[in-house]
Amino acid sequence: MIHFSTDYVFDGHKRTPYLPDDPPNPQSVYARSKWQGEQALIASGADHLIVRTSWVYGLRGRNFLLAIIRQAALEKELRIVNDQTGSPTTAAIVAKVAGE
């Protein structure tokens, strides 16, 4: 069983990259539901893989990459948040993991 989760299971306060064994501290209903899903899967005893993705992007839909490309085409100056850190993940990689 593959469970796609999220980096939102962490609270975002750590200044270095999170590791799989770092203690979760979900801050939203969405994050808590993902953490509860992880825990339920582990408790089931089923063979599993938990994949915590973040900043998933592709060539279609709504995502950070396409928003920046659109903004760059329209504006001389880009205004981008600087209070977030993430690990951009291509949708193709997520699909590949799902297919394995």
N, C-alpha and C. Protein backbone atom coordinates (compact mmCIF):
# COMPACT_ATOMS: atom_id res chain seq x y z
N MET A 1 0.85 -1.16 0.00
CA MET A 1 0.00 0.00 0.00
C MET A 1 0.90 1.23 0.00
N ILE A 2 0.58 2.16 -0.88
CA ILE A 2 1.30 3.44 -0.90
C ILE A 2 0.36 4.51 -0.37
N HIS A 3 0.83 5.27 0.60
CA HIS A 3 0.04 6.37 1.17
C HIS A 3 0.75 7.67 0.84
N PHE A 4 0.07 8.54 0.07
CA PHE A 4 0.64 9.84 -0.23
C PHE A 4 0.24 10.81 0.86
N SER A 5 1.22 11.29 1.57
CA SER A 5 1.00 12.19 2.68
C SER A 5 1.61 13.55 2.32
N THR A 6 1.98 14.31 3.31
CA THR A 6 2.43 15.67 3.08
C THR A 6 3.44 16.11 4.12
N ASP A 7 4.26 17.09 3.76
CA ASP A 7 5.18 17.68 4.74
C ASP A 7 4.42 18.52 5.76
N TYR A 8 3.15 18.77 5.53
CA TYR A 8 2.35 19.52 6.50
C TYR A 8 2.17 18.77 7.81
N VAL A 9 2.57 17.49 7.87
CA VAL A 9 2.50 16.79 9.16
C VAL A 9 3.48 17.40 10.15
N PHE A 10 4.43 18.20 9.66
CA PHE A 10 5.36 18.92 10.51
C PHE A 10 4.88 20.36 10.68
N ASP A 11 5.35 21.03 11.71
CA ASP A 11 4.86 22.38 12.00
C ASP A 11 5.61 23.49 11.25
N GLY A 12 6.72 23.14 10.59
CA GLY A 12 7.46 24.13 9.81
C GLY A 12 8.45 24.96 10.59
N HIS A 13 8.68 24.65 11.84
CA HIS A 13 9.58 25.45 12.67
C HIS A 13 11.04 25.03 12.57
N LYS A 14 11.29 23.83 12.09
CA LYS A 14 12.67 23.34 12.01
C LYS A 14 13.42 24.10 10.92
N ARG A 15 14.65 24.47 11.17
CA ARG A 15 15.44 25.27 10.23
C ARG A 15 16.25 24.41 9.26
N THR A 16 16.26 23.11 9.46
CA THR A 16 16.95 22.19 8.57
C THR A 16 15.91 21.23 8.00
N PRO A 17 16.26 20.49 6.94
CA PRO A 17 15.27 19.58 6.36
C PRO A 17 14.74 18.55 7.38
N TYR A 18 13.47 18.27 7.26
CA TYR A 18 12.87 17.25 8.13
C TYR A 18 13.33 15.87 7.69
N LEU A 19 13.44 14.99 8.67
CA LEU A 19 13.79 13.60 8.43
C LEU A 19 12.56 12.75 8.71
N PRO A 20 12.48 11.56 8.12
CA PRO A 20 11.29 10.72 8.32
C PRO A 20 10.95 10.43 9.78
N ASP A 21 11.95 10.38 10.64
CA ASP A 21 11.69 10.06 12.04
C ASP A 21 11.48 11.28 12.93
N ASP A 22 11.50 12.49 12.36
CA ASP A 22 11.21 13.68 13.16
C ASP A 22 9.78 13.62 13.67
N PRO A 23 9.55 14.09 14.87
CA PRO A 23 8.19 14.02 15.42
C PRO A 23 7.23 14.96 14.69
N PRO A 24 6.11 14.45 14.20
CA PRO A 24 5.12 15.30 13.55
C PRO A 24 4.46 16.24 14.55
N ASN A 25 3.98 17.35 14.04
CA ASN A 25 3.22 18.30 14.84
C ASN A 25 2.26 19.02 13.88
N PRO A 26 1.24 18.28 13.38
CA PRO A 26 0.34 18.87 12.39
C PRO A 26 -0.43 20.05 12.96
N GLN A 27 -0.58 21.11 12.13
CA GLN A 27 -1.17 22.36 12.60
C GLN A 27 -2.54 22.66 11.98
N SER A 28 -3.04 21.82 11.10
CA SER A 28 -4.33 22.08 10.45
C SER A 28 -5.12 20.78 10.39
N VAL A 29 -6.40 20.91 10.08
CA VAL A 29 -7.24 19.73 9.93
C VAL A 29 -6.68 18.83 8.83
N TYR A 30 -6.29 19.43 7.72
CA TYR A 30 -5.71 18.67 6.62
C TYR A 30 -4.48 17.89 7.09
N ALA A 31 -3.57 18.57 7.77
CA ALA A 31 -2.33 17.93 8.24
C ALA A 31 -2.64 16.83 9.24
N ARG A 32 -3.58 17.07 10.15
CA ARG A 32 -3.94 16.03 11.12
C ARG A 32 -4.55 14.82 10.43
N SER A 33 -5.36 15.05 9.40
CA SER A 33 -5.97 13.92 8.69
C SER A 33 -4.91 13.09 7.98
N LYS A 34 -3.91 13.75 7.41
CA LYS A 34 -2.82 13.02 6.76
C LYS A 34 -2.02 12.22 7.78
N TRP A 35 -1.72 12.82 8.93
CA TRP A 35 -0.98 12.13 9.99
C TRP A 35 -1.79 10.94 10.51
N GLN A 36 -3.08 11.13 10.69
CA GLN A 36 -3.93 10.02 11.16
C GLN A 36 -3.97 8.90 10.13
N GLY A 37 -3.97 9.26 8.85
CA GLY A 37 -3.91 8.24 7.80
C GLY A 37 -2.62 7.45 7.86
N GLU A 38 -1.52 8.13 8.08
CA GLU A 38 -0.23 7.44 8.22
C GLU A 38 -0.27 6.47 9.39
N GLN A 39 -0.78 6.95 10.52
CA GLN A 39 -0.83 6.11 11.72
C GLN A 39 -1.74 4.91 11.54
N ALA A 40 -2.87 5.09 10.88
CA ALA A 40 -3.79 3.98 10.64
C ALA A 40 -3.14 2.93 9.74
N LEU A 41 -2.41 3.38 8.73
CA LEU A 41 -1.74 2.45 7.84
C LEU A 41 -0.67 1.66 8.59
N ILE A 42 0.12 2.33 9.38
CA ILE A 42 1.16 1.65 10.16
C ILE A 42 0.52 0.64 11.10
N ALA A 43 -0.55 1.05 11.79
CA ALA A 43 -1.22 0.17 12.75
C ALA A 43 -1.86 -1.04 12.07
N SER A 44 -2.19 -0.93 10.79
CA SER A 44 -2.85 -2.04 10.09
C SER A 44 -1.93 -3.24 9.92
N GLY A 45 -0.63 -2.99 9.95
CA GLY A 45 0.33 -4.07 9.75
C GLY A 45 0.57 -4.41 8.29
N ALA A 46 -0.11 -3.73 7.38
CA ALA A 46 0.07 -3.99 5.95
C ALA A 46 1.45 -3.51 5.49
N ASP A 47 1.99 -4.20 4.48
CA ASP A 47 3.21 -3.69 3.86
C ASP A 47 2.87 -2.34 3.26
N HIS A 48 3.72 -1.34 3.50
CA HIS A 48 3.36 0.00 3.07
C HIS A 48 4.58 0.86 2.78
N LEU A 49 4.29 1.94 2.07
CA LEU A 49 5.25 2.99 1.81
C LEU A 49 4.52 4.30 2.03
N ILE A 50 5.06 5.17 2.88
CA ILE A 50 4.48 6.48 3.10
C ILE A 50 5.36 7.50 2.38
N VAL A 51 4.76 8.26 1.48
CA VAL A 51 5.48 9.25 0.69
C VAL A 51 4.96 10.63 1.10
N ARG A 52 5.83 11.42 1.71
CA ARG A 52 5.46 12.78 2.10
C ARG A 52 5.93 13.73 1.01
N THR A 53 4.99 14.24 0.26
CA THR A 53 5.32 15.14 -0.85
C THR A 53 5.12 16.59 -0.44
N SER A 54 5.70 17.47 -1.22
CA SER A 54 5.46 18.90 -1.01
C SER A 54 5.67 19.62 -2.33
N TRP A 55 4.96 20.71 -2.49
CA TRP A 55 5.11 21.58 -3.64
C TRP A 55 5.08 20.80 -4.95
N VAL A 56 4.08 19.93 -5.10
CA VAL A 56 3.96 19.13 -6.32
C VAL A 56 3.61 20.05 -7.49
N TYR A 57 4.31 19.87 -8.59
CA TYR A 57 4.07 20.69 -9.77
C TYR A 57 4.08 19.85 -11.03
N GLY A 58 3.40 20.33 -12.03
CA GLY A 58 3.37 19.67 -13.33
C GLY A 58 3.16 20.72 -14.41
N LEU A 59 2.91 20.27 -15.61
CA LEU A 59 2.76 21.18 -16.73
C LEU A 59 1.32 21.65 -16.92
N ARG A 60 0.39 21.12 -16.11
CA ARG A 60 -1.01 21.51 -16.17
C ARG A 60 -1.52 21.78 -14.76
N GLY A 61 -2.67 22.40 -14.69
CA GLY A 61 -3.29 22.64 -13.40
C GLY A 61 -2.76 23.89 -12.73
N ARG A 62 -3.01 23.97 -11.42
CA ARG A 62 -2.57 25.12 -10.64
C ARG A 62 -1.44 24.70 -9.72
N ASN A 63 -0.29 25.33 -9.87
CA ASN A 63 0.83 25.04 -9.00
C ASN A 63 1.80 26.22 -9.02
N PHE A 64 2.74 26.18 -8.11
CA PHE A 64 3.68 27.27 -7.92
C PHE A 64 4.47 27.56 -9.21
N LEU A 65 4.98 26.53 -9.84
CA LEU A 65 5.79 26.72 -11.05
C LEU A 65 5.01 27.45 -12.13
N LEU A 66 3.82 27.00 -12.42
CA LEU A 66 3.04 27.63 -13.48
C LEU A 66 2.62 29.05 -13.10
N ALA A 67 2.35 29.28 -11.82
CA ALA A 67 2.01 30.63 -11.37
C ALA A 67 3.18 31.59 -11.60
N ILE A 68 4.39 31.15 -11.33
CA ILE A 68 5.58 31.99 -11.54
C ILE A 68 5.80 32.23 -13.03
N ILE A 69 5.62 31.21 -13.84
CA ILE A 69 5.79 31.38 -15.29
C ILE A 69 4.77 32.39 -15.83
N ARG A 70 3.50 32.27 -15.37
CA ARG A 70 2.48 33.23 -15.81
C ARG A 70 2.84 34.64 -15.35
N GLN A 71 3.26 34.77 -14.09
CA GLN A 71 3.59 36.10 -13.57
C GLN A 71 4.78 36.69 -14.33
N ALA A 72 5.77 35.88 -14.65
CA ALA A 72 6.95 36.36 -15.36
C ALA A 72 6.59 36.86 -16.77
N ALA A 73 5.58 36.25 -17.38
CA ALA A 73 5.16 36.68 -18.71
C ALA A 73 4.40 38.00 -18.66
N LEU A 74 3.80 38.31 -17.51
CA LEU A 74 2.96 39.50 -17.40
C LEU A 74 3.63 40.69 -16.73
N GLU A 75 4.60 40.43 -15.88
CA GLU A 75 5.17 41.48 -15.05
C GLU A 75 6.67 41.61 -15.28
N LYS A 76 7.19 42.82 -15.06
CA LYS A 76 8.63 43.03 -15.12
C LYS A 76 9.31 42.51 -13.86
N GLU A 77 8.61 42.60 -12.76
CA GLU A 77 9.17 42.23 -11.46
C GLU A 77 8.32 41.12 -10.85
N LEU A 78 8.98 40.09 -10.32
CA LEU A 78 8.27 38.99 -9.67
C LEU A 78 8.18 39.24 -8.17
N ARG A 79 7.03 39.01 -7.61
CA ARG A 79 6.84 39.12 -6.16
C ARG A 79 6.55 37.71 -5.66
N ILE A 80 7.48 37.18 -4.89
CA ILE A 80 7.40 35.81 -4.42
C ILE A 80 7.58 35.78 -2.91
N VAL A 81 6.81 34.92 -2.24
CA VAL A 81 6.94 34.81 -0.79
C VAL A 81 8.35 34.36 -0.45
N ASN A 82 8.85 34.80 0.69
CA ASN A 82 10.18 34.37 1.11
C ASN A 82 10.16 33.80 2.53
N ASP A 83 8.98 33.41 2.98
CA ASP A 83 8.87 32.88 4.33
C ASP A 83 8.55 31.38 4.33
N GLN A 84 8.75 30.73 3.19
CA GLN A 84 8.46 29.30 3.08
C GLN A 84 9.65 28.56 2.49
N THR A 85 9.82 27.35 2.94
CA THR A 85 10.85 26.47 2.39
C THR A 85 10.17 25.18 2.00
N GLY A 86 10.49 24.67 0.84
CA GLY A 86 9.86 23.43 0.41
C GLY A 86 10.78 22.62 -0.46
N SER A 87 10.31 21.47 -0.82
CA SER A 87 11.03 20.58 -1.72
C SER A 87 10.16 20.32 -2.93
N PRO A 88 10.30 21.13 -3.97
CA PRO A 88 9.45 20.93 -5.15
C PRO A 88 9.56 19.51 -5.67
N THR A 89 8.42 18.95 -5.99
CA THR A 89 8.33 17.56 -6.43
C THR A 89 7.54 17.51 -7.73
N THR A 90 8.10 16.94 -8.77
CA THR A 90 7.37 16.87 -10.03
C THR A 90 6.25 15.84 -9.92
N ALA A 91 5.14 16.14 -10.58
CA ALA A 91 4.02 15.19 -10.61
C ALA A 91 4.46 13.89 -11.27
N ALA A 92 5.40 13.98 -12.20
CA ALA A 92 5.89 12.77 -12.87
C ALA A 92 6.56 11.82 -11.88
N ILE A 93 7.30 12.35 -10.92
CA ILE A 93 7.94 11.51 -9.90
C ILE A 93 6.88 10.86 -9.01
N VAL A 94 5.88 11.64 -8.63
CA VAL A 94 4.80 11.09 -7.80
C VAL A 94 4.09 9.97 -8.56
N ALA A 95 3.82 10.18 -9.84
CA ALA A 95 3.16 9.15 -10.65
C ALA A 95 4.04 7.91 -10.77
N LYS A 96 5.34 8.11 -10.90
CA LYS A 96 6.24 6.97 -11.02
C LYS A 96 6.23 6.14 -9.75
N VAL A 97 6.28 6.79 -8.59
CA VAL A 97 6.22 6.07 -7.31
C VAL A 97 4.90 5.30 -7.21
N ALA A 98 3.82 5.92 -7.64
CA ALA A 98 2.49 5.28 -7.57
C ALA A 98 2.43 4.04 -8.46
N GLY A 99 3.19 4.06 -9.56
CA GLY A 99 3.16 2.95 -10.49
C GLY A 99 4.05 1.78 -10.12
N GLU A 100 4.91 1.98 -9.13
CA GLU A 100 5.85 0.91 -8.76
C GLU A 100 5.23 -0.05 -7.78
